[in-house]
């Protein structure tokens, strides 16, 4: 089983071997790992779906405004 399915199967086995004893013992570590994983996935998907374009558009607008300001008032960093 090589390829992506083999890698997925080996990851599944490794995760089971790592988390199963902790779940049996009642450890909170698997819960924390799932919470962190969920947070990272939610933040990333939210940024990519909604905020990414708005942030980039805002940066372009700020650069244009700064360029216009410096054209009128001069560049304060140019000595």
N, C-alpha and C. Protein backbone atom coordinates (compact mmCIF):
# COMPACT_ATOMS: atom_id res chain seq x y z
N UNK A 1 0.84 -1.19 0.00
CA UNK A 1 0.00 0.00 0.00
C UNK A 1 0.87 1.25 0.00
N UNK A 2 1.33 1.63 -1.12
CA UNK A 2 2.08 2.86 -1.17
C UNK A 2 1.20 3.95 -1.73
N UNK A 3 1.67 5.15 -1.67
CA UNK A 3 0.88 6.27 -2.12
C UNK A 3 0.16 6.93 -0.96
N UNK A 4 -0.84 7.69 -1.31
CA UNK A 4 -1.55 8.49 -0.31
C UNK A 4 -2.35 7.61 0.66
N UNK A 5 -2.92 6.52 0.17
CA UNK A 5 -3.71 5.67 1.05
C UNK A 5 -2.83 4.94 2.06
N UNK A 6 -1.63 4.57 1.64
CA UNK A 6 -0.70 3.94 2.57
C UNK A 6 -0.27 4.91 3.65
N UNK A 7 -0.01 6.16 3.27
CA UNK A 7 0.38 7.17 4.25
C UNK A 7 -0.77 7.45 5.23
N UNK A 8 -1.97 7.53 4.69
CA UNK A 8 -3.12 7.78 5.56
C UNK A 8 -3.33 6.63 6.54
N UNK A 9 -3.15 5.40 6.07
CA UNK A 9 -3.31 4.25 6.95
C UNK A 9 -2.24 4.24 8.03
N UNK A 10 -1.00 4.56 7.67
CA UNK A 10 0.06 4.56 8.67
C UNK A 10 -0.15 5.70 9.67
N UNK A 11 -0.68 6.85 9.22
CA UNK A 11 -0.98 7.93 10.15
C UNK A 11 -2.10 7.54 11.10
N UNK A 12 -3.08 6.82 10.58
CA UNK A 12 -4.20 6.36 11.41
C UNK A 12 -3.70 5.40 12.49
N UNK A 13 -2.85 4.48 12.10
CA UNK A 13 -2.30 3.52 13.06
C UNK A 13 -1.44 4.23 14.09
N UNK A 14 -0.62 5.18 13.65
CA UNK A 14 0.24 5.91 14.59
C UNK A 14 -0.60 6.73 15.57
N UNK A 15 -1.66 7.38 15.06
CA UNK A 15 -2.52 8.17 15.94
C UNK A 15 -3.23 7.28 16.95
N UNK A 16 -3.68 6.13 16.50
CA UNK A 16 -4.35 5.20 17.43
C UNK A 16 -3.37 4.72 18.50
N UNK A 17 -2.17 4.37 18.09
CA UNK A 17 -1.18 3.90 19.06
C UNK A 17 -0.78 5.00 20.05
N UNK A 18 -0.83 6.25 19.62
CA UNK A 18 -0.46 7.36 20.49
C UNK A 18 -1.61 7.74 21.43
N UNK A 19 -2.82 7.87 20.89
CA UNK A 19 -3.94 8.39 21.67
C UNK A 19 -4.71 7.33 22.45
N UNK A 20 -4.74 6.11 21.99
CA UNK A 20 -5.56 5.08 22.65
C UNK A 20 -5.20 4.89 24.13
N UNK A 21 -3.92 4.76 24.48
CA UNK A 21 -3.61 4.63 25.91
C UNK A 21 -4.00 5.85 26.73
N UNK A 22 -3.87 7.03 26.13
CA UNK A 22 -4.25 8.24 26.86
C UNK A 22 -5.76 8.31 27.07
N UNK A 23 -6.53 7.90 26.07
CA UNK A 23 -7.98 7.90 26.22
C UNK A 23 -8.41 6.90 27.27
N UNK A 24 -7.77 5.74 27.29
CA UNK A 24 -8.11 4.72 28.29
C UNK A 24 -7.79 5.22 29.70
N UNK A 25 -6.71 5.99 29.83
CA UNK A 25 -6.31 6.48 31.15
C UNK A 25 -7.09 7.72 31.57
N UNK A 26 -7.87 8.31 30.65
CA UNK A 26 -8.65 9.49 31.00
C UNK A 26 -7.86 10.78 30.93
N UNK A 27 -6.83 10.81 30.13
CA UNK A 27 -6.01 12.01 30.00
C UNK A 27 -6.76 13.11 29.24
N UNK A 28 -6.41 14.35 29.54
CA UNK A 28 -7.04 15.48 28.88
C UNK A 28 -6.25 15.90 27.62
N UNK A 29 -5.07 15.35 27.43
CA UNK A 29 -4.22 15.73 26.31
C UNK A 29 -4.89 15.54 24.94
N UNK A 30 -5.60 14.43 24.68
CA UNK A 30 -6.28 14.32 23.38
C UNK A 30 -7.32 15.41 23.15
N UNK A 31 -8.00 15.81 24.22
CA UNK A 31 -8.98 16.89 24.09
C UNK A 31 -8.29 18.19 23.68
N UNK A 32 -7.18 18.50 24.33
CA UNK A 32 -6.45 19.72 23.98
C UNK A 32 -5.95 19.66 22.55
N UNK A 33 -5.45 18.52 22.13
CA UNK A 33 -4.97 18.39 20.75
C UNK A 33 -6.10 18.61 19.75
N UNK A 34 -7.26 18.05 20.03
CA UNK A 34 -8.40 18.24 19.12
C UNK A 34 -8.88 19.69 19.12
N UNK A 35 -8.84 20.34 20.27
CA UNK A 35 -9.24 21.74 20.32
C UNK A 35 -8.29 22.63 19.54
N UNK A 36 -7.00 22.37 19.66
CA UNK A 36 -6.00 23.15 18.91
C UNK A 36 -6.15 22.90 17.42
N UNK A 37 -6.30 21.64 17.04
CA UNK A 37 -6.47 21.29 15.63
C UNK A 37 -7.71 21.97 15.05
N UNK A 38 -8.82 21.91 15.78
CA UNK A 38 -10.06 22.53 15.31
C UNK A 38 -9.89 24.04 15.18
N UNK A 39 -9.24 24.66 16.13
CA UNK A 39 -9.02 26.11 16.06
C UNK A 39 -8.18 26.50 14.87
N UNK A 40 -7.13 25.76 14.60
CA UNK A 40 -6.26 26.07 13.46
C UNK A 40 -7.03 25.91 12.15
N UNK A 41 -7.79 24.83 12.03
CA UNK A 41 -8.56 24.60 10.81
C UNK A 41 -9.61 25.68 10.63
N UNK A 42 -10.32 26.04 11.69
CA UNK A 42 -11.37 27.06 11.59
C UNK A 42 -10.77 28.43 11.24
N UNK A 43 -9.68 28.81 11.89
CA UNK A 43 -9.06 30.11 11.61
C UNK A 43 -8.58 30.16 10.16
N UNK A 44 -7.91 29.10 9.72
CA UNK A 44 -7.37 29.08 8.37
C UNK A 44 -8.49 29.13 7.33
N UNK A 45 -9.52 28.34 7.50
CA UNK A 45 -10.60 28.35 6.52
C UNK A 45 -11.35 29.67 6.54
N UNK A 46 -11.54 30.26 7.70
CA UNK A 46 -12.21 31.56 7.79
C UNK A 46 -11.38 32.64 7.09
N UNK A 47 -10.08 32.64 7.30
CA UNK A 47 -9.21 33.63 6.67
C UNK A 47 -9.20 33.45 5.16
N UNK A 48 -9.09 32.20 4.72
CA UNK A 48 -9.02 31.96 3.28
C UNK A 48 -10.35 32.27 2.60
N UNK A 49 -11.46 31.99 3.25
CA UNK A 49 -12.77 32.16 2.62
C UNK A 49 -13.27 33.60 2.68
N UNK A 50 -13.04 34.29 3.78
CA UNK A 50 -13.68 35.58 3.96
C UNK A 50 -12.71 36.75 4.10
N UNK A 51 -11.73 36.61 4.98
CA UNK A 51 -10.93 37.76 5.35
C UNK A 51 -9.74 38.02 4.44
N UNK A 52 -9.25 37.02 3.76
CA UNK A 52 -8.04 37.18 2.97
C UNK A 52 -8.15 38.25 1.92
N UNK A 53 -9.22 38.23 1.13
CA UNK A 53 -9.40 39.22 0.08
C UNK A 53 -9.61 40.61 0.67
N UNK A 54 -10.34 40.72 1.76
CA UNK A 54 -10.59 42.02 2.38
C UNK A 54 -9.30 42.61 2.93
N UNK A 55 -8.47 41.77 3.54
CA UNK A 55 -7.20 42.24 4.08
C UNK A 55 -6.30 42.72 2.94
N UNK A 56 -6.22 41.95 1.87
CA UNK A 56 -5.38 42.35 0.74
C UNK A 56 -5.89 43.64 0.11
N UNK A 57 -7.21 43.77 -0.03
CA UNK A 57 -7.77 45.00 -0.60
C UNK A 57 -7.47 46.19 0.31
N UNK A 58 -7.55 45.99 1.61
CA UNK A 58 -7.22 47.07 2.55
C UNK A 58 -5.77 47.48 2.46
N UNK A 59 -4.88 46.52 2.28
CA UNK A 59 -3.46 46.84 2.15
C UNK A 59 -3.19 47.63 0.88
N UNK A 60 -3.85 47.26 -0.21
CA UNK A 60 -3.67 47.99 -1.48
C UNK A 60 -4.17 49.42 -1.31
N UNK A 61 -5.32 49.58 -0.64
CA UNK A 61 -5.88 50.91 -0.41
C UNK A 61 -4.96 51.75 0.47
N UNK A 62 -4.38 51.14 1.51
CA UNK A 62 -3.47 51.87 2.39
C UNK A 62 -2.21 52.29 1.65
N UNK A 63 -1.67 51.42 0.79
CA UNK A 63 -0.49 51.78 0.02
C UNK A 63 -0.77 52.93 -0.92
N UNK A 64 -1.94 52.92 -1.57
CA UNK A 64 -2.31 54.00 -2.47
C UNK A 64 -2.47 55.31 -1.71
N UNK A 65 -3.11 55.24 -0.54
CA UNK A 65 -3.30 56.45 0.26
C UNK A 65 -1.97 56.99 0.75
N UNK A 66 -1.07 56.11 1.18
CA UNK A 66 0.25 56.55 1.63
C UNK A 66 1.06 57.15 0.49
N UNK A 67 0.95 56.54 -0.69
CA UNK A 67 1.66 57.08 -1.86
C UNK A 67 1.13 58.48 -2.19
N UNK A 68 -0.19 58.68 -2.15
CA UNK A 68 -0.78 60.00 -2.40
C UNK A 68 -0.35 61.01 -1.34
N UNK A 69 -0.35 60.58 -0.08
CA UNK A 69 0.06 61.47 1.01
C UNK A 69 1.51 61.93 0.83
N UNK A 70 2.36 60.98 0.51
CA UNK A 70 3.78 61.32 0.34
C UNK A 70 4.01 62.19 -0.89
N UNK A 71 3.18 62.04 -1.91
CA UNK A 71 3.29 62.89 -3.09
C UNK A 71 2.93 64.33 -2.74
N UNK A 72 1.98 64.50 -1.84
CA UNK A 72 1.56 65.86 -1.46
C UNK A 72 2.47 66.45 -0.40
N UNK A 73 2.78 65.69 0.64
CA UNK A 73 3.50 66.23 1.80
C UNK A 73 4.98 65.89 1.82
N UNK A 74 5.45 65.08 0.93
CA UNK A 74 6.84 64.67 0.93
C UNK A 74 7.04 63.42 1.77
N UNK A 75 8.17 62.77 1.55
CA UNK A 75 8.50 61.55 2.28
C UNK A 75 9.26 61.92 3.54
N UNK A 76 8.71 61.66 4.74
CA UNK A 76 9.40 62.03 5.97
C UNK A 76 10.65 61.19 6.24
N UNK A 77 10.77 60.05 5.59
CA UNK A 77 11.96 59.20 5.83
C UNK A 77 13.10 59.56 4.91
N UNK A 78 12.87 60.41 3.92
CA UNK A 78 13.94 60.81 2.98
C UNK A 78 14.69 61.99 3.58
N UNK A 79 15.94 61.77 3.94
CA UNK A 79 16.75 62.83 4.56
C UNK A 79 17.77 63.33 3.60
